[in-house]
Amino acid sequence: MEEQGEHEVPVDTVQEAQLSWAGGSVRLRTQCAYSLHHCAFPRQDLAVGIVFALEPVCEPNWLIGGDLTTHKVPIVLSRDLIVVPPGHEFEAQCRSAGQGLWIFIDPRTMAGDEGVRSLAEHVRIDASWMRDRLLATMVAEIRRECLNGFPRGQVFLERAALIFVTQLAYFLDCPEPQFKPAPLSDGKLQIVLDYFERNLNRNIALSEVSDLVDLTPRYFCAAFKKATGRSPHQFQIERRVERAKALLNNPNLSLVDIALMVGFSSQSHLSDCFRRIQGVTPARYRAEIRAAHLLENPIGIAGSQELKFAHAEFKLLEEVLPGRTQA
């Protein structure tokens, strides 16, 4: 490895912990002061750096070979990762407090690893690496080792760094497997549909219904959507609206009662979902039902009440269904 030089800010605003071995090194750089810091170094090894913001706003600029590679502001609890291939000059500027964890590996020590060779060929910026549990664990351990003064020593740090770089190469270059579940069988689908119908009045946990057909929640969601064309949540909302439509025929039930009976948390929740699916509010839908009944049998309905109510119903009919009262 070869390090030709580095420009640093005064030591009282920067703290560093570094440990080297024959084929690499690890450095943790902590910028404590709330001011602009700058560092630059040309290197002949593979460099992998991770930014840790120590306050809500952190403004790092990364430059490779003099070209602005990325400029992110603000970063909140950032875990951005950058890969700098051998032979590239790296320059960083950061405003406000933050940490940079750097792992340097001589690529000749891993010449037989095709993945690492590929990793060392291109500049990369990545924010997805934290999804990999092994990468997240290794970074946490390496960072903890630096903060504690390297209690486990050079051998541990070297092996941890090599594992991290090897896994990173695998993670970045290995395509995610395509998830193609089969649709639910007719029998399993019917079990689920019946369960939804029996429990429309309450919220059903995804794990609860997926357990009925011995599937994981993720696989169940995909299989259910493939079979029905909609997600389990959307299907349940649509069935609740259908149940509410039937209950709206009963004039003795208030909209609040109907909302709670079909599993909505409030009348407004019912109204929002009902309007989105039906195009009208539940109150408007109920008025249209009543108006349609009056059109079919106005005398029969009025005969069971005072005649003055019949007149009021026809006035409502003229507003809800304009033009139909002339038929």
C-alpha atoms as a PDB file:
ATOM      1  CA  MET A   1       0.000   0.000   0.000  1.00  0.00           C
ATOM      2  CA  GLU A   2       1.105   3.537  -0.677  1.00  0.00           C
ATOM      3  CA  GLU A   3      -0.176   6.742   0.860  1.00  0.00           C
ATOM      4  CA  GLN A   4       1.339   9.833  -0.714  1.00  0.00           C
ATOM      5  CA  GLY A   5      -0.081  12.430   1.618  1.00  0.00           C
ATOM      6  CA  GLU A   6      -3.044  13.842   3.475  1.00  0.00           C
ATOM      7  CA  HIS A   7      -4.266  17.325   4.297  1.00  0.00           C
ATOM      8  CA  GLU A   8      -5.952  17.579   7.658  1.00  0.00           C
ATOM      9  CA  VAL A   9      -7.552  20.175   9.876  1.00  0.00           C
ATOM     10  CA  PRO A  10      -5.986  20.954  13.279  1.00  0.00           C
ATOM     11  CA  VAL A  11      -5.765  17.945  15.557  1.00  0.00           C
ATOM     12  CA  ASP A  12      -7.900  19.555  18.285  1.00  0.00           C
ATOM     13  CA  THR A  13     -10.980  19.361  16.039  1.00  0.00           C
ATOM     14  CA  VAL A  14     -10.346  15.851  14.697  1.00  0.00           C
ATOM     15  CA  GLN A  15      -9.814  12.545  16.476  1.00  0.00           C
ATOM     16  CA  GLU A  16      -8.438   9.483  14.711  1.00  0.00           C
ATOM     17  CA  ALA A  17      -7.997   5.835  15.570  1.00  0.00           C
ATOM     18  CA  GLN A  18      -6.016   3.682  13.138  1.00  0.00           C
ATOM     19  CA  LEU A  19      -4.545   0.190  13.060  1.00  0.00           C
ATOM     20  CA  SER A  20      -2.536  -1.324  10.192  1.00  0.00           C
ATOM     21  CA  TRP A  21      -1.404  -4.772   9.142  1.00  0.00           C
ATOM     22  CA  ALA A  22       0.631  -6.093   6.222  1.00  0.00           C
ATOM     23  CA  GLY A  23      -2.194  -5.967   3.699  1.00  0.00           C
ATOM     24  CA  GLY A  24      -4.374  -3.118   4.883  1.00  0.00           C
ATOM     25  CA  SER A  25      -5.577  -0.809   7.629  1.00  0.00           C
ATOM     26  CA  VAL A  26      -8.665   0.578   9.329  1.00  0.00           C
ATOM     27  CA  ARG A  27      -9.183   4.200  10.296  1.00  0.00           C
ATOM     28  CA  LEU A  28     -11.991   5.883  12.226  1.00  0.00           C
ATOM     29  CA  ARG A  29     -11.978   9.655  11.856  1.00  0.00           C
ATOM     30  CA  THR A  30     -14.224  11.682  14.174  1.00  0.00           C
ATOM     31  CA  GLN A  31     -14.855  15.353  13.440  1.00  0.00           C
ATOM     32  CA  CYS A  32     -16.005  16.956  16.655  1.00  0.00           C
ATOM     33  CA  ALA A  33     -16.169  20.657  15.850  1.00  0.00           C
ATOM     34  CA  TYR A  34     -19.058  22.367  14.085  1.00  0.00           C
ATOM     35  CA  SER A  35     -17.014  23.721  11.194  1.00  0.00           C
ATOM     36  CA  LEU A  36     -15.853  22.766   7.700  1.00  0.00           C
ATOM     37  CA  HIS A  37     -13.283  19.955   7.609  1.00  0.00           C
ATOM     38  CA  HIS A  38     -11.281  18.824   4.631  1.00  0.00           C
ATOM     39  CA  CYS A  39      -9.089  15.804   3.896  1.00  0.00           C
ATOM     40  CA  ALA A  40      -7.557  14.377   0.721  1.00  0.00           C
ATOM     41  CA  PHE A  41      -5.407  11.375  -0.025  1.00  0.00           C
ATOM     42  CA  PRO A  42      -4.247   9.519  -3.139  1.00  0.00           C
ATOM     43  CA  ARG A  43      -4.038   5.781  -2.511  1.00  0.00           C
ATOM     44  CA  GLN A  44      -2.964   2.632  -4.293  1.00  0.00           C
ATOM     45  CA  ASP A  45      -5.246   0.313  -2.350  1.00  0.00           C
ATOM     46  CA  LEU A  46      -8.986  -0.348  -2.314  1.00  0.00           C
ATOM     47  CA  ALA A  47     -10.736   2.078   0.033  1.00  0.00           C
ATOM     48  CA  VAL A  48     -14.206   1.611   1.469  1.00  0.00           C
ATOM     49  CA  GLY A  49     -15.623   4.449   3.553  1.00  0.00           C
ATOM     50  CA  ILE A  50     -18.844   4.854   5.545  1.00  0.00           C
ATOM     51  CA  VAL A  51     -20.253   8.155   6.804  1.00  0.00           C
ATOM     52  CA  PHE A  52     -21.854   8.368  10.245  1.00  0.00           C
ATOM     53  CA  ALA A  53     -23.645  11.652  10.960  1.00  0.00           C
ATOM     54  CA  LEU A  54     -23.354  12.764  14.584  1.00  0.00           C
ATOM     55  CA  GLU A  55     -25.956  15.505  14.325  1.00  0.00           C
ATOM     56  CA  PRO A  56     -29.187  15.967  12.318  1.00  0.00           C
ATOM     57  CA  VAL A  57     -27.523  17.902   9.486  1.00  0.00           C
ATOM     58  CA  CYS A  58     -24.259  16.756   7.942  1.00  0.00           C
ATOM     59  CA  GLU A  59     -22.992  18.001   4.567  1.00  0.00           C
ATOM     60  CA  PRO A  60     -20.353  15.754   3.017  1.00  0.00           C
ATOM     61  CA  ASN A  61     -18.854  16.332  -0.442  1.00  0.00           C
ATOM     62  CA  TRP A  62     -16.979  13.420  -1.984  1.00  0.00           C
ATOM     63  CA  LEU A  63     -14.667  13.975  -4.933  1.00  0.00           C
ATOM     64  CA  ILE A  64     -12.840  11.257  -6.862  1.00  0.00           C
ATOM     65  CA  GLY A  65     -10.034  12.334  -9.168  1.00  0.00           C
ATOM     66  CA  GLY A  66     -11.223  15.932  -8.918  1.00  0.00           C
ATOM     67  CA  ASP A  67     -14.767  15.217 -10.146  1.00  0.00           C
ATOM     68  CA  LEU A  68     -17.692  15.793  -7.819  1.00  0.00           C
ATOM     69  CA  THR A  69     -19.090  12.322  -7.196  1.00  0.00           C
ATOM     70  CA  THR A  70     -21.913  13.134  -4.834  1.00  0.00           C
ATOM     71  CA  HIS A  71     -23.235  16.018  -2.824  1.00  0.00           C
ATOM     72  CA  LYS A  72     -25.858  15.184  -0.222  1.00  0.00           C
ATOM     73  CA  VAL A  73     -27.494  17.676   2.094  1.00  0.00           C
ATOM     74  CA  PRO A  74     -28.952  17.115   4.540  1.00  0.00           C
ATOM     75  CA  ILE A  75     -28.118  13.594   5.750  1.00  0.00           C
ATOM     76  CA  VAL A  76     -30.026  12.273   8.730  1.00  0.00           C
ATOM     77  CA  LEU A  77     -28.278   9.425  10.569  1.00  0.00           C
ATOM     78  CA  SER A  78     -26.492   8.626   7.326  1.00  0.00           C
ATOM     79  CA  ARG A  79     -24.857   5.300   6.623  1.00  0.00           C
ATOM     80  CA  ASP A  80     -23.733   6.106   3.100  1.00  0.00           C
ATOM     81  CA  LEU A  81     -20.906   3.955   1.764  1.00  0.00           C
ATOM     82  CA  ILE A  82     -18.334   4.804  -0.918  1.00  0.00           C
ATOM     83  CA  VAL A  83     -15.929   2.505  -2.735  1.00  0.00           C
ATOM     84  CA  VAL A  84     -12.740   4.099  -4.098  1.00  0.00           C
ATOM     85  CA  PRO A  85     -10.717   1.894  -6.496  1.00  0.00           C
ATOM     86  CA  PRO A  86      -6.896   1.761  -6.309  1.00  0.00           C
ATOM     87  CA  GLY A  87      -5.057   4.629  -7.975  1.00  0.00           C
ATOM     88  CA  HIS A  88      -7.825   7.208  -7.459  1.00  0.00           C
ATOM     89  CA  GLU A  89      -7.399  10.378  -5.465  1.00  0.00           C
ATOM     90  CA  PHE A  90     -10.109  10.836  -2.892  1.00  0.00           C
ATOM     91  CA  GLU A  91     -11.106  14.163  -1.389  1.00  0.00           C
ATOM     92  CA  ALA A  92     -13.768  14.838   1.216  1.00  0.00           C
ATOM     93  CA  GLN A  93     -15.251  17.926   2.781  1.00  0.00           C
ATOM     94  CA  CYS A  94     -17.713  17.752   5.636  1.00  0.00           C
ATOM     95  CA  ARG A  95     -19.497  20.516   7.523  1.00  0.00           C
ATOM     96  CA  SER A  96     -20.556  19.747  11.114  1.00  0.00           C
ATOM     97  CA  ALA A  97     -19.824  16.784  13.341  1.00  0.00           C
ATOM     98  CA  GLY A  98     -19.542  13.282  11.900  1.00  0.00           C
ATOM     99  CA  GLN A  99     -17.479  10.124  11.634  1.00  0.00           C
ATOM    100  CA  GLY A 100     -15.871   8.396   8.706  1.00  0.00           C
ATOM    101  CA  LEU A 101     -14.925   4.727   8.988  1.00  0.00           C
ATOM    102  CA  TRP A 102     -12.376   3.691   6.361  1.00  0.00           C
ATOM    103  CA  ILE A 103     -11.191   0.208   5.448  1.00  0.00           C
ATOM    104  CA  PHE A 104      -8.133  -0.004   3.192  1.00  0.00           C
ATOM    105  CA  ILE A 105      -7.238  -3.316   1.519  1.00  0.00           C
ATOM    106  CA  ASP A 106      -4.281  -4.101  -0.735  1.00  0.00           C
ATOM    107  CA  PRO A 107      -6.053  -5.850  -3.657  1.00  0.00           C
ATOM    108  CA  ARG A 108      -3.026  -8.104  -4.157  1.00  0.00           C
ATOM    109  CA  THR A 109      -3.855  -9.834  -0.871  1.00  0.00           C
ATOM    110  CA  MET A 110      -7.199 -10.907  -2.371  1.00  0.00           C
ATOM    111  CA  ALA A 111      -6.068 -11.512  -5.941  1.00  0.00           C
ATOM    112  CA  GLY A 112      -7.890 -14.833  -6.111  1.00  0.00           C
ATOM    113  CA  ASP A 113     -11.297 -13.361  -5.245  1.00  0.00           C
ATOM    114  CA  GLU A 114     -13.159 -12.443  -8.443  1.00  0.00           C
ATOM    115  CA  GLY A 115     -15.819 -10.499  -6.551  1.00  0.00           C
ATOM    116  CA  VAL A 116     -13.288  -8.260  -4.801  1.00  0.00           C
ATOM    117  CA  ARG A 117     -11.456  -7.657  -8.096  1.00  0.00           C
ATOM    118  CA  SER A 118     -14.738  -6.532  -9.611  1.00  0.00           C
ATOM    119  CA  LEU A 119     -15.484  -4.344  -6.593  1.00  0.00           C
ATOM    120  CA  ALA A 120     -12.093  -2.632  -6.986  1.00  0.00           C
ATOM    121  CA  GLU A 121     -12.751  -1.590 -10.597  1.00  0.00           C
ATOM    122  CA  HIS A 122     -15.429   1.097 -10.177  1.00  0.00           C
ATOM    123  CA  VAL A 123     -16.326   3.992  -7.908  1.00  0.00           C
ATOM    124  CA  ARG A 124     -19.560   3.206  -6.087  1.00  0.00           C
ATOM    125  CA  ILE A 125     -21.898   5.063  -3.795  1.00  0.00           C
ATOM    126  CA  ASP A 126     -24.322   2.820  -1.951  1.00  0.00           C
ATOM    127  CA  ALA A 127     -26.952   3.236   0.763  1.00  0.00           C
ATOM    128  CA  SER A 128     -28.463  -0.253   0.591  1.00  0.00           C
ATOM    129  CA  TRP A 129     -25.661  -2.167   2.293  1.00  0.00           C
ATOM    130  CA  MET A 130     -27.351  -1.835   5.716  1.00  0.00           C
ATOM    131  CA  ARG A 131     -30.029  -4.283   4.545  1.00  0.00           C
ATOM    132  CA  ASP A 132     -27.428  -7.047   4.782  1.00  0.00           C
ATOM    133  CA  ARG A 133     -27.215  -8.286   8.367  1.00  0.00           C
ATOM    134  CA  LEU A 134     -23.631  -9.531   8.105  1.00  0.00           C
ATOM    135  CA  LEU A 135     -22.369  -6.211   6.691  1.00  0.00           C
ATOM    136  CA  ALA A 136     -24.171  -4.222   9.377  1.00  0.00           C
ATOM    137  CA  THR A 137     -22.780  -6.474  12.108  1.00  0.00           C
ATOM    138  CA  MET A 138     -19.199  -6.329  10.829  1.00  0.00           C
ATOM    139  CA  VAL A 139     -19.237  -2.537  10.537  1.00  0.00           C
ATOM    140  CA  ALA A 140     -20.614  -2.204  14.056  1.00  0.00           C
ATOM    141  CA  GLU A 141     -17.858  -4.458  15.427  1.00  0.00           C
ATOM    142  CA  ILE A 142     -15.073  -2.702  13.502  1.00  0.00           C
ATOM    143  CA  ARG A 143     -16.320   0.693  14.603  1.00  0.00           C
ATOM    144  CA  ARG A 144     -16.597  -0.459  18.221  1.00  0.00           C
ATOM    145  CA  GLU A 145     -13.046  -1.843  18.044  1.00  0.00           C
ATOM    146  CA  CYS A 146     -11.731   1.537  16.880  1.00  0.00           C
ATOM    147  CA  LEU A 147     -13.616   3.466  19.562  1.00  0.00           C
ATOM    148  CA  ASN A 148     -12.344   1.149  22.321  1.00  0.00           C
ATOM    149  CA  GLY A 149      -8.679   1.310  21.320  1.00  0.00           C
ATOM    150  CA  PHE A 150      -8.419  -2.037  19.433  1.00  0.00           C
ATOM    151  CA  PRO A 151      -8.678  -4.400  22.431  1.00  0.00           C
ATOM    152  CA  ARG A 152      -8.915  -7.507  20.189  1.00  0.00           C
ATOM    153  CA  GLY A 153      -5.850  -6.508  18.236  1.00  0.00           C
ATOM    154  CA  GLN A 154      -4.566  -6.673  14.703  1.00  0.00           C
ATOM    155  CA  VAL A 155      -5.580 -10.255  13.870  1.00  0.00           C
ATOM    156  CA  PHE A 156      -9.248  -9.661  14.683  1.00  0.00           C
ATOM    157  CA  LEU A 157      -9.376  -6.384  12.787  1.00  0.00           C
ATOM    158  CA  GLU A 158      -7.681  -7.816   9.699  1.00  0.00           C
ATOM    159  CA  ARG A 159     -10.053 -10.761   9.501  1.00  0.00           C
ATOM    160  CA  ALA A 160     -13.113  -8.597  10.192  1.00  0.00           C
ATOM    161  CA  ALA A 161     -12.108  -6.184   7.435  1.00  0.00           C
ATOM    162  CA  LEU A 162     -11.529  -8.984   4.917  1.00  0.00           C
ATOM    163  CA  ILE A 163     -14.901 -10.557   5.746  1.00  0.00           C
ATOM    164  CA  PHE A 164     -16.606  -7.192   5.335  1.00  0.00           C
ATOM    165  CA  VAL A 165     -15.027  -6.435   1.945  1.00  0.00           C
ATOM    166  CA  THR A 166     -15.707  -9.964   0.666  1.00  0.00           C
ATOM    167  CA  GLN A 167     -19.364  -9.800   1.739  1.00  0.00           C
ATOM    168  CA  LEU A 168     -19.729  -6.281   0.333  1.00  0.00           C
ATOM    169  CA  ALA A 169     -18.491  -7.449  -3.078  1.00  0.00           C
ATOM    170  CA  TYR A 170     -20.962 -10.316  -2.984  1.00  0.00           C
ATOM    171  CA  PHE A 171     -23.855  -8.095  -1.843  1.00  0.00           C
ATOM    172  CA  LEU A 172     -23.325  -5.363  -4.441  1.00  0.00           C
ATOM    173  CA  ASP A 173     -22.793  -7.681  -7.402  1.00  0.00           C
ATOM    174  CA  CYS A 174     -25.208 -10.491  -6.582  1.00  0.00           C
ATOM    175  CA  PRO A 175     -28.649  -9.785  -8.107  1.00  0.00           C
ATOM    176  CA  GLU A 176     -31.626 -10.206  -5.791  1.00  0.00           C
ATOM    177  CA  PRO A 177     -33.576 -13.378  -6.532  1.00  0.00           C
ATOM    178  CA  GLN A 178     -36.879 -12.743  -8.235  1.00  0.00           C
ATOM    179  CA  PHE A 179     -39.839 -13.511  -6.032  1.00  0.00           C
ATOM    180  CA  LYS A 180     -42.532 -15.283  -8.071  1.00  0.00           C
ATOM    181  CA  PRO A 181     -45.077 -16.940  -5.807  1.00  0.00           C
ATOM    182  CA  ALA A 182     -47.837 -19.169  -7.120  1.00  0.00           C
ATOM    183  CA  PRO A 183     -51.412 -17.961  -6.555  1.00  0.00           C
ATOM    184  CA  LEU A 184     -53.405 -19.448  -3.696  1.00  0.00           C
ATOM    185  CA  SER A 185     -55.141 -22.684  -4.551  1.00  0.00           C
ATOM    186  CA  ASP A 186     -58.935 -22.590  -4.768  1.00  0.00           C
ATOM    187  CA  GLY A 187     -59.281 -24.374  -1.438  1.00  0.00           C
ATOM    188  CA  LYS A 188     -56.903 -22.060   0.440  1.00  0.00           C
ATOM    189  CA  LEU A 189     -58.400 -18.994  -1.198  1.00  0.00           C
ATOM    190  CA  GLN A 190     -61.880 -19.991  -0.052  1.00  0.00           C
ATOM    191  CA  ILE A 191     -60.622 -20.468   3.513  1.00  0.00           C
ATOM    192  CA  VAL A 192     -59.218 -16.945   3.470  1.00  0.00           C
ATOM    193  CA  LEU A 193     -62.311 -15.394   1.883  1.00  0.00           C
ATOM    194  CA  ASP A 194     -64.613 -17.050   4.419  1.00  0.00           C
ATOM    195  CA  TYR A 195     -62.409 -15.847   7.256  1.00  0.00           C
ATOM    196  CA  PHE A 196     -62.525 -12.284   5.951  1.00  0.00           C
ATOM    197  CA  GLU A 197     -66.330 -12.409   5.708  1.00  0.00           C
ATOM    198  CA  ARG A 198     -66.686 -13.665   9.289  1.00  0.00           C
ATOM    199  CA  ASN A 199     -64.354 -10.977  10.646  1.00  0.00           C
ATOM    200  CA  LEU A 200     -65.149  -7.829   8.684  1.00  0.00           C
ATOM    201  CA  ASN A 201     -66.017  -6.061  11.922  1.00  0.00           C
ATOM    202  CA  ARG A 202     -62.404  -6.101  13.166  1.00  0.00           C
ATOM    203  CA  ASN A 203     -58.874  -5.559  11.942  1.00  0.00           C
ATOM    204  CA  ILE A 204     -57.183  -8.819  10.975  1.00  0.00           C
ATOM    205  CA  ALA A 205     -53.423  -9.122  11.404  1.00  0.00           C
ATOM    206  CA  LEU A 206     -51.580 -10.303   8.309  1.00  0.00           C
ATOM    207  CA  SER A 207     -49.844 -13.047  10.270  1.00  0.00           C
ATOM    208  CA  GLU A 208     -53.226 -14.206  11.550  1.00  0.00           C
ATOM    209  CA  VAL A 209     -54.691 -14.894   8.120  1.00  0.00           C
ATOM    210  CA  SER A 210     -51.439 -16.165   6.575  1.00  0.00           C
ATOM    211  CA  ASP A 211     -51.207 -18.772   9.347  1.00  0.00           C
ATOM    212  CA  LEU A 212     -54.547 -20.184   8.192  1.00  0.00           C
ATOM    213  CA  VAL A 213     -52.928 -21.382   4.968  1.00  0.00           C
ATOM    214  CA  ASP A 214     -49.431 -22.104   6.372  1.00  0.00           C
ATOM    215  CA  LEU A 215     -47.637 -19.331   4.485  1.00  0.00           C
ATOM    216  CA  THR A 216     -45.342 -16.512   5.534  1.00  0.00           C
ATOM    217  CA  PRO A 217     -47.003 -13.061   5.528  1.00  0.00           C
ATOM    218  CA  ARG A 218     -44.838 -11.893   2.607  1.00  0.00           C
ATOM    219  CA  TYR A 219     -45.589 -14.957   0.477  1.00  0.00           C
ATOM    220  CA  PHE A 220     -49.269 -14.854   1.410  1.00  0.00           C
ATOM    221  CA  CYS A 221     -49.640 -11.212   0.294  1.00  0.00           C
ATOM    222  CA  ALA A 222     -48.100 -11.952  -3.081  1.00  0.00           C
ATOM    223  CA  ALA A 223     -50.062 -15.198  -3.563  1.00  0.00           C
ATOM    224  CA  PHE A 224     -53.360 -13.568  -2.545  1.00  0.00           C
ATOM    225  CA  LYS A 225     -52.843 -10.633  -4.910  1.00  0.00           C
ATOM    226  CA  LYS A 226     -51.985 -13.008  -7.734  1.00  0.00           C
ATOM    227  CA  ALA A 227     -55.228 -14.909  -7.123  1.00  0.00           C
ATOM    228  CA  THR A 228     -57.578 -11.934  -6.607  1.00  0.00           C
ATOM    229  CA  GLY A 229     -55.879  -8.966  -8.270  1.00  0.00           C
ATOM    230  CA  ARG A 230     -55.781  -6.952  -5.048  1.00  0.00           C
ATOM    231  CA  SER A 231     -53.921  -6.924  -1.747  1.00  0.00           C
ATOM    232  CA  PRO A 232     -55.492  -8.498   1.362  1.00  0.00           C
ATOM    233  CA  HIS A 233     -56.008  -5.040   2.874  1.00  0.00           C
ATOM    234  CA  GLN A 234     -57.677  -3.647  -0.233  1.00  0.00           C
ATOM    235  CA  PHE A 235     -59.874  -6.736  -0.529  1.00  0.00           C
ATOM    236  CA  GLN A 236     -61.010  -6.374   3.066  1.00  0.00           C
ATOM    237  CA  ILE A 237     -61.842  -2.678   2.537  1.00  0.00           C
ATOM    238  CA  GLU A 238     -63.910  -3.514  -0.541  1.00  0.00           C
ATOM    239  CA  ARG A 239     -65.828  -6.234   1.315  1.00  0.00           C
ATOM    240  CA  ARG A 240     -66.530  -3.827   4.186  1.00  0.00           C
ATOM    241  CA  VAL A 241     -67.957  -1.304   1.743  1.00  0.00           C
ATOM    242  CA  GLU A 242     -70.169  -4.007   0.190  1.00  0.00           C
ATOM    243  CA  ARG A 243     -71.452  -4.966   3.643  1.00  0.00           C
ATOM    244  CA  ALA A 244     -72.086  -1.291   4.424  1.00  0.00           C
ATOM    245  CA  LYS A 245     -74.116  -0.925   1.214  1.00  0.00           C
ATOM    246  CA  ALA A 246     -76.443  -3.697   2.388  1.00  0.00           C
ATOM    247  CA  LEU A 247     -76.804  -2.147   5.849  1.00  0.00           C
ATOM    248  CA  LEU A 248     -77.648   1.266   4.389  1.00  0.00           C
ATOM    249  CA  ASN A 249     -80.999  -0.195   3.344  1.00  0.00           C
ATOM    250  CA  ASN A 250     -81.961  -0.233   7.020  1.00  0.00           C
ATOM    251  CA  PRO A 251     -83.154   3.307   7.944  1.00  0.00           C
ATOM    252  CA  ASN A 252     -82.899   2.513  11.646  1.00  0.00           C
ATOM    253  CA  LEU A 253     -79.105   2.243  11.532  1.00  0.00           C
ATOM    254  CA  SER A 254     -77.062   5.429  11.773  1.00  0.00           C
ATOM    255  CA  LEU A 255     -73.916   5.878   9.686  1.00  0.00           C
ATOM    256  CA  VAL A 256     -71.837   5.642  12.858  1.00  0.00           C
ATOM    257  CA  ASP A 257     -73.456   2.307  13.720  1.00  0.00           C
ATOM    258  CA  ILE A 258     -72.822   0.955  10.232  1.00  0.00           C
ATOM    259  CA  ALA A 259     -69.181   2.100  10.254  1.00  0.00           C
ATOM    260  CA  LEU A 260     -68.468   0.240  13.502  1.00  0.00           C
ATOM    261  CA  MET A 261     -70.427  -2.845  12.441  1.00  0.00           C
ATOM    262  CA  VAL A 262     -68.276  -3.333   9.336  1.00  0.00           C
ATOM    263  CA  GLY A 263     -64.931  -2.629  10.988  1.00  0.00           C
ATOM    264  CA  PHE A 264     -64.250   1.034  10.199  1.00  0.00           C
ATOM    265  CA  SER A 265     -62.878   3.129  13.036  1.00  0.00           C
ATOM    266  CA  SER A 266     -65.272   6.035  12.501  1.00  0.00           C
ATOM    267  CA  GLN A 267     -67.984   7.449  10.255  1.00  0.00           C
ATOM    268  CA  SER A 268     -65.387   9.565   8.435  1.00  0.00           C
ATOM    269  CA  HIS A 269     -63.257   6.477   7.786  1.00  0.00           C
ATOM    270  CA  LEU A 270     -66.295   4.756   6.277  1.00  0.00           C
ATOM    271  CA  SER A 271     -67.110   7.831   4.204  1.00  0.00           C
ATOM    272  CA  ASP A 272     -63.583   8.144   2.815  1.00  0.00           C
ATOM    273  CA  CYS A 273     -63.378   4.478   1.750  1.00  0.00           C
ATOM    274  CA  PHE A 274     -66.973   4.407   0.510  1.00  0.00           C
ATOM    275  CA  ARG A 275     -66.492   7.493  -1.656  1.00  0.00           C
ATOM    276  CA  ARG A 276     -63.237   6.166  -3.091  1.00  0.00           C
ATOM    277  CA  ILE A 277     -64.833   2.875  -4.150  1.00  0.00           C
ATOM    278  CA  GLN A 278     -68.432   3.884  -4.938  1.00  0.00           C
ATOM    279  CA  GLY A 279     -67.928   7.468  -6.059  1.00  0.00           C
ATOM    280  CA  VAL A 280     -70.486   8.840  -3.580  1.00  0.00           C
ATOM    281  CA  THR A 281     -70.726   9.201   0.191  1.00  0.00           C
ATOM    282  CA  PRO A 282     -72.754   6.712   2.269  1.00  0.00           C
ATOM    283  CA  ALA A 283     -75.346   9.438   2.988  1.00  0.00           C
ATOM    284  CA  ARG A 284     -75.775  10.142  -0.705  1.00  0.00           C
ATOM    285  CA  TYR A 285     -75.970   6.425  -1.469  1.00  0.00           C
ATOM    286  CA  ARG A 286     -78.681   5.969   1.174  1.00  0.00           C
ATOM    287  CA  ALA A 287     -80.644   8.920  -0.228  1.00  0.00           C
ATOM    288  CA  GLU A 288     -80.488   7.408  -3.717  1.00  0.00           C
ATOM    289  CA  ILE A 289     -81.808   4.093  -2.358  1.00  0.00           C
ATOM    290  CA  ARG A 290     -84.699   5.887  -0.653  1.00  0.00           C
ATOM    291  CA  ALA A 291     -85.445   7.922  -3.776  1.00  0.00           C
ATOM    292  CA  ALA A 292     -85.479   4.796  -5.912  1.00  0.00           C
ATOM    293  CA  HIS A 293     -87.954   3.157  -3.509  1.00  0.00           C
ATOM    294  CA  LEU A 294     -90.220   6.188  -3.700  1.00  0.00           C
ATOM    295  CA  LEU A 295     -90.183   6.054  -7.481  1.00  0.00           C
ATOM    296  CA  GLU A 296     -91.321   2.433  -7.396  1.00  0.00           C
ATOM    297  CA  ASN A 297     -94.048   2.806  -4.749  1.00  0.00           C
ATOM    298  CA  PRO A 298     -94.616   6.354  -3.445  1.00  0.00           C
ATOM    299  CA  ILE A 299     -98.121   5.685  -2.066  1.00  0.00           C
ATOM    300  CA  GLY A 300     -97.141   2.543  -0.192  1.00  0.00           C
ATOM    301  CA  ILE A 301     -94.273   4.244   1.550  1.00  0.00           C
ATOM    302  CA  ALA A 302     -96.161   7.429   2.320  1.00  0.00           C
ATOM    303  CA  GLY A 303     -99.140   5.471   3.615  1.00  0.00           C
ATOM    304  CA  SER A 304     -97.160   4.154   6.546  1.00  0.00           C
ATOM    305  CA  GLN A 305     -96.245   7.684   7.675  1.00  0.00           C
ATOM    306  CA  GLU A 306     -97.688  11.137   7.667  1.00  0.00           C
ATOM    307  CA  LEU A 307     -98.353  12.437   4.148  1.00  0.00           C
ATOM    308  CA  LYS A 308     -96.176  15.451   4.812  1.00  0.00           C
ATOM    309  CA  PHE A 309     -93.124  13.140   4.949  1.00  0.00           C
ATOM    310  CA  ALA A 310     -93.935  11.831   1.491  1.00  0.00           C
ATOM    311  CA  HIS A 311     -93.782  15.364   0.150  1.00  0.00           C
ATOM    312  CA  ALA A 312     -90.353  15.832   1.765  1.00  0.00           C
ATOM    313  CA  GLU A 313     -89.096  12.574   0.246  1.00  0.00           C
ATOM    314  CA  PHE A 314     -90.119  13.680  -3.251  1.00  0.00           C
ATOM    315  CA  LYS A 315     -88.297  16.995  -2.756  1.00  0.00           C
ATOM    316  CA  LEU A 316     -85.191  14.974  -1.863  1.00  0.00           C
ATOM    317  CA  LEU A 317     -85.773  12.821  -4.931  1.00  0.00           C
ATOM    318  CA  GLU A 318     -85.742  15.901  -7.178  1.00  0.00           C
ATOM    319  CA  GLU A 319     -82.337  16.908  -5.736  1.00  0.00           C
ATOM    320  CA  VAL A 320     -80.717  13.463  -5.810  1.00  0.00           C
ATOM    321  CA  LEU A 321     -82.083  12.137  -9.089  1.00  0.00           C
ATOM    322  CA  PRO A 322     -82.880  15.235 -11.197  1.00  0.00           C
ATOM    323  CA  GLY A 323     -85.070  14.518 -14.189  1.00  0.00           C
ATOM    324  CA  ARG A 324     -86.283  11.109 -13.016  1.00  0.00           C
ATOM    325  CA  THR A 325     -89.350  12.511 -11.201  1.00  0.00           C
ATOM    326  CA  GLN A 326     -90.736  13.579 -14.566  1.00  0.00           C
ATOM    327  CA  ALA A 327     -90.774  10.004 -15.878  1.00  0.00           C
END
